[in-house]
Amino acid sequence: MLKSFTFALSGLVAAIKEERNLKIHLAAALLVTVLGFVFQLRLWEWAVISLTVFLVLVAELINTAIEKAVDLAVDGRLHPLAKTAKDVAAAAVLLAAVNAVIVGLIIFGSRIWVRMI
């Protein structure tokens, strides 16, 4: 079991080192966490934010895994089905990110608006 955790951690570290978009999502997660403390989110809001942040991160990791596997399988010759697989995985990340923006607007929008006025 410890070996499984080691493999998972190794994969996470590799993805953080190699994937620009994962770094961007992690920076956004850090910003949202700081904003959560600034705006003193309620417990249920933290739960929604946590689920949303991890949904985006998990989608990005799955997208990365699919991209790497497809790239290995096609060996430089991008088959139309391989392109579709990569595009669909990227679309999943896009949907998760759009959801995150919507959740952020719902939870933080009114608080930010009040501070701006």
C-alpha atoms as a PDB file:
ATOM      1  CA  MET A   1       0.000   0.000   0.000  1.00  0.00           C
ATOM      2  CA  LEU A   2       2.858   2.362   0.803  1.00  0.00           C
ATOM      3  CA  LYS A   3       4.260   1.665  -2.659  1.00  0.00           C
ATOM      4  CA  SER A   4       0.957   2.792  -4.218  1.00  0.00           C
ATOM      5  CA  PHE A   5       1.096   6.080  -2.325  1.00  0.00           C
ATOM      6  CA  THR A   6       4.703   6.533  -3.426  1.00  0.00           C
ATOM      7  CA  PHE A   7       3.732   6.009  -7.080  1.00  0.00           C
ATOM      8  CA  ALA A   8       0.827   8.447  -6.757  1.00  0.00           C
ATOM      9  CA  LEU A   9       2.995  11.083  -5.118  1.00  0.00           C
ATOM     10  CA  SER A  10       5.645  10.578  -7.788  1.00  0.00           C
ATOM     11  CA  GLY A  11       3.026  11.133 -10.486  1.00  0.00           C
ATOM     12  CA  LEU A  12       1.762  14.274  -8.784  1.00  0.00           C
ATOM     13  CA  VAL A  13       5.267  15.704  -8.449  1.00  0.00           C
ATOM     14  CA  ALA A  14       6.047  14.894 -12.095  1.00  0.00           C
ATOM     15  CA  ALA A  15       2.843  16.555 -13.260  1.00  0.00           C
ATOM     16  CA  ILE A  16       3.521  19.666 -11.187  1.00  0.00           C
ATOM     17  CA  LYS A  17       7.056  19.902 -12.608  1.00  0.00           C
ATOM     18  CA  GLU A  18       6.084  19.278 -16.235  1.00  0.00           C
ATOM     19  CA  GLU A  19       2.575  20.647 -16.751  1.00  0.00           C
ATOM     20  CA  ARG A  20       2.173  24.416 -17.101  1.00  0.00           C
ATOM     21  CA  ASN A  21      -1.611  24.263 -16.834  1.00  0.00           C
ATOM     22  CA  LEU A  22      -1.457  22.321 -13.576  1.00  0.00           C
ATOM     23  CA  LYS A  23       0.788  25.051 -12.153  1.00  0.00           C
ATOM     24  CA  ILE A  24      -1.788  27.642 -13.215  1.00  0.00           C
ATOM     25  CA  HIS A  25      -4.598  25.656 -11.561  1.00  0.00           C
ATOM     26  CA  LEU A  26      -2.536  25.287  -8.375  1.00  0.00           C
ATOM     27  CA  ALA A  27      -1.893  29.046  -8.311  1.00  0.00           C
ATOM     28  CA  ALA A  28      -5.631  29.660  -8.728  1.00  0.00           C
ATOM     29  CA  ALA A  29      -6.320  27.195  -5.908  1.00  0.00           C
ATOM     30  CA  LEU A  30      -3.909  29.072  -3.659  1.00  0.00           C
ATOM     31  CA  LEU A  31      -5.573  32.398  -4.540  1.00  0.00           C
ATOM     32  CA  VAL A  32      -9.031  30.979  -3.813  1.00  0.00           C
ATOM     33  CA  THR A  33      -7.803  29.598  -0.490  1.00  0.00           C
ATOM     34  CA  VAL A  34      -6.396  32.998   0.519  1.00  0.00           C
ATOM     35  CA  LEU A  35      -9.639  34.683  -0.547  1.00  0.00           C
ATOM     36  CA  GLY A  36     -11.564  32.131   1.487  1.00  0.00           C
ATOM     37  CA  PHE A  37      -9.723  33.225   4.622  1.00  0.00           C
ATOM     38  CA  VAL A  38     -10.030  36.924   3.750  1.00  0.00           C
ATOM     39  CA  PHE A  39     -13.787  36.625   3.265  1.00  0.00           C
ATOM     40  CA  GLN A  40     -14.223  34.205   6.175  1.00  0.00           C
ATOM     41  CA  LEU A  41     -16.129  31.564   4.274  1.00  0.00           C
ATOM     42  CA  ARG A  42     -18.692  29.446   6.058  1.00  0.00           C
ATOM     43  CA  LEU A  43     -18.046  25.728   6.458  1.00  0.00           C
ATOM     44  CA  TRP A  44     -20.402  24.739   3.621  1.00  0.00           C
ATOM     45  CA  GLU A  45     -18.716  27.288   1.330  1.00  0.00           C
ATOM     46  CA  TRP A  46     -15.305  25.770   2.114  1.00  0.00           C
ATOM     47  CA  ALA A  47     -16.748  22.359   1.262  1.00  0.00           C
ATOM     48  CA  VAL A  48     -18.007  23.582  -2.119  1.00  0.00           C
ATOM     49  CA  ILE A  49     -14.739  25.401  -2.849  1.00  0.00           C
ATOM     50  CA  SER A  50     -12.714  22.320  -1.868  1.00  0.00           C
ATOM     51  CA  LEU A  51     -14.753  20.018  -4.102  1.00  0.00           C
ATOM     52  CA  THR A  52     -14.528  22.485  -6.968  1.00  0.00           C
ATOM     53  CA  VAL A  53     -10.776  22.999  -6.670  1.00  0.00           C
ATOM     54  CA  PHE A  54     -10.091  19.275  -6.480  1.00  0.00           C
ATOM     55  CA  LEU A  55     -12.420  18.602  -9.427  1.00  0.00           C
ATOM     56  CA  VAL A  56     -10.297  20.912 -11.580  1.00  0.00           C
ATOM     57  CA  LEU A  57      -7.025  19.402 -10.338  1.00  0.00           C
ATOM     58  CA  VAL A  58      -8.231  15.831 -10.862  1.00  0.00           C
ATOM     59  CA  ALA A  59      -9.516  16.687 -14.350  1.00  0.00           C
ATOM     60  CA  GLU A  60      -6.143  18.212 -15.218  1.00  0.00           C
ATOM     61  CA  LEU A  61      -4.273  15.147 -13.962  1.00  0.00           C
ATOM     62  CA  ILE A  62      -6.538  12.796 -15.928  1.00  0.00           C
ATOM     63  CA  ASN A  63      -6.108  14.980 -19.002  1.00  0.00           C
ATOM     64  CA  THR A  64      -2.335  14.806 -18.583  1.00  0.00           C
ATOM     65  CA  ALA A  65      -2.418  11.015 -18.217  1.00  0.00           C
ATOM     66  CA  ILE A  66      -4.558  10.646 -21.343  1.00  0.00           C
ATOM     67  CA  GLU A  67      -2.301  12.977 -23.331  1.00  0.00           C
ATOM     68  CA  LYS A  68       0.841  11.094 -22.296  1.00  0.00           C
ATOM     69  CA  ALA A  69      -0.690   7.687 -23.029  1.00  0.00           C
ATOM     70  CA  VAL A  70      -2.006   8.795 -26.424  1.00  0.00           C
ATOM     71  CA  ASP A  71       1.328  10.390 -27.331  1.00  0.00           C
ATOM     72  CA  LEU A  72       3.111   7.160 -26.433  1.00  0.00           C
ATOM     73  CA  ALA A  73       0.641   5.013 -28.368  1.00  0.00           C
ATOM     74  CA  VAL A  74       0.649   7.040 -31.573  1.00  0.00           C
ATOM     75  CA  ASP A  75       4.420   7.623 -31.556  1.00  0.00           C
ATOM     76  CA  GLY A  76       4.327  10.924 -33.437  1.00  0.00           C
ATOM     77  CA  ARG A  77       1.597   9.998 -35.935  1.00  0.00           C
ATOM     78  CA  LEU A  78      -1.555  11.658 -34.648  1.00  0.00           C
ATOM     79  CA  HIS A  79      -4.497   9.488 -35.631  1.00  0.00           C
ATOM     80  CA  PRO A  80      -7.893  11.262 -35.786  1.00  0.00           C
ATOM     81  CA  LEU A  81      -9.140   9.125 -32.868  1.00  0.00           C
ATOM     82  CA  ALA A  82      -6.058  10.045 -30.838  1.00  0.00           C
ATOM     83  CA  LYS A  83      -6.757  13.723 -31.509  1.00  0.00           C
ATOM     84  CA  THR A  84     -10.360  13.252 -30.427  1.00  0.00           C
ATOM     85  CA  ALA A  85      -9.280  11.520 -27.203  1.00  0.00           C
ATOM     86  CA  LYS A  86      -6.921  14.380 -26.363  1.00  0.00           C
ATOM     87  CA  ASP A  87      -9.489  17.037 -27.275  1.00  0.00           C
ATOM     88  CA  VAL A  88     -12.228  15.389 -25.192  1.00  0.00           C
ATOM     89  CA  ALA A  89      -9.897  15.149 -22.177  1.00  0.00           C
ATOM     90  CA  ALA A  90      -9.036  18.835 -22.587  1.00  0.00           C
ATOM     91  CA  ALA A  91     -12.750  19.630 -22.821  1.00  0.00           C
ATOM     92  CA  ALA A  92     -13.290  17.914 -19.466  1.00  0.00           C
ATOM     93  CA  VAL A  93     -10.738  20.255 -17.896  1.00  0.00           C
ATOM     94  CA  LEU A  94     -12.399  23.223 -19.578  1.00  0.00           C
ATOM     95  CA  LEU A  95     -15.796  22.271 -18.163  1.00  0.00           C
ATOM     96  CA  ALA A  96     -14.331  21.798 -14.680  1.00  0.00           C
ATOM     97  CA  ALA A  97     -12.630  25.198 -14.928  1.00  0.00           C
ATOM     98  CA  VAL A  98     -15.816  26.918 -16.131  1.00  0.00           C
ATOM     99  CA  ASN A  99     -17.654  25.310 -13.222  1.00  0.00           C
ATOM    100  CA  ALA A 100     -14.955  26.643 -10.872  1.00  0.00           C
ATOM    101  CA  VAL A 101     -15.439  30.170 -12.199  1.00  0.00           C
ATOM    102  CA  ILE A 102     -19.206  29.906 -11.728  1.00  0.00           C
ATOM    103  CA  VAL A 103     -18.804  28.594  -8.175  1.00  0.00           C
ATOM    104  CA  GLY A 104     -16.282  31.355  -7.463  1.00  0.00           C
ATOM    105  CA  LEU A 105     -18.672  34.004  -8.721  1.00  0.00           C
ATOM    106  CA  ILE A 106     -21.496  32.597  -6.625  1.00  0.00           C
ATOM    107  CA  ILE A 107     -19.449  32.393  -3.432  1.00  0.00           C
ATOM    108  CA  PHE A 108     -17.149  35.403  -3.791  1.00  0.00           C
ATOM    109  CA  GLY A 109     -19.043  37.655  -6.195  1.00  0.00           C
ATOM    110  CA  SER A 110     -21.320  39.447  -3.750  1.00  0.00           C
ATOM    111  CA  ARG A 111     -18.552  39.798  -1.161  1.00  0.00           C
ATOM    112  CA  ILE A 112     -16.207  41.371  -3.690  1.00  0.00           C
ATOM    113  CA  TRP A 113     -18.983  43.600  -5.028  1.00  0.00           C
ATOM    114  CA  VAL A 114     -19.771  44.929  -1.530  1.00  0.00           C
ATOM    115  CA  ARG A 115     -16.096  45.768  -0.934  1.00  0.00           C
ATOM    116  CA  MET A 116     -15.850  47.591  -4.253  1.00  0.00           C
ATOM    117  CA  ILE A 117     -18.810  49.867  -3.535  1.00  0.00           C
END
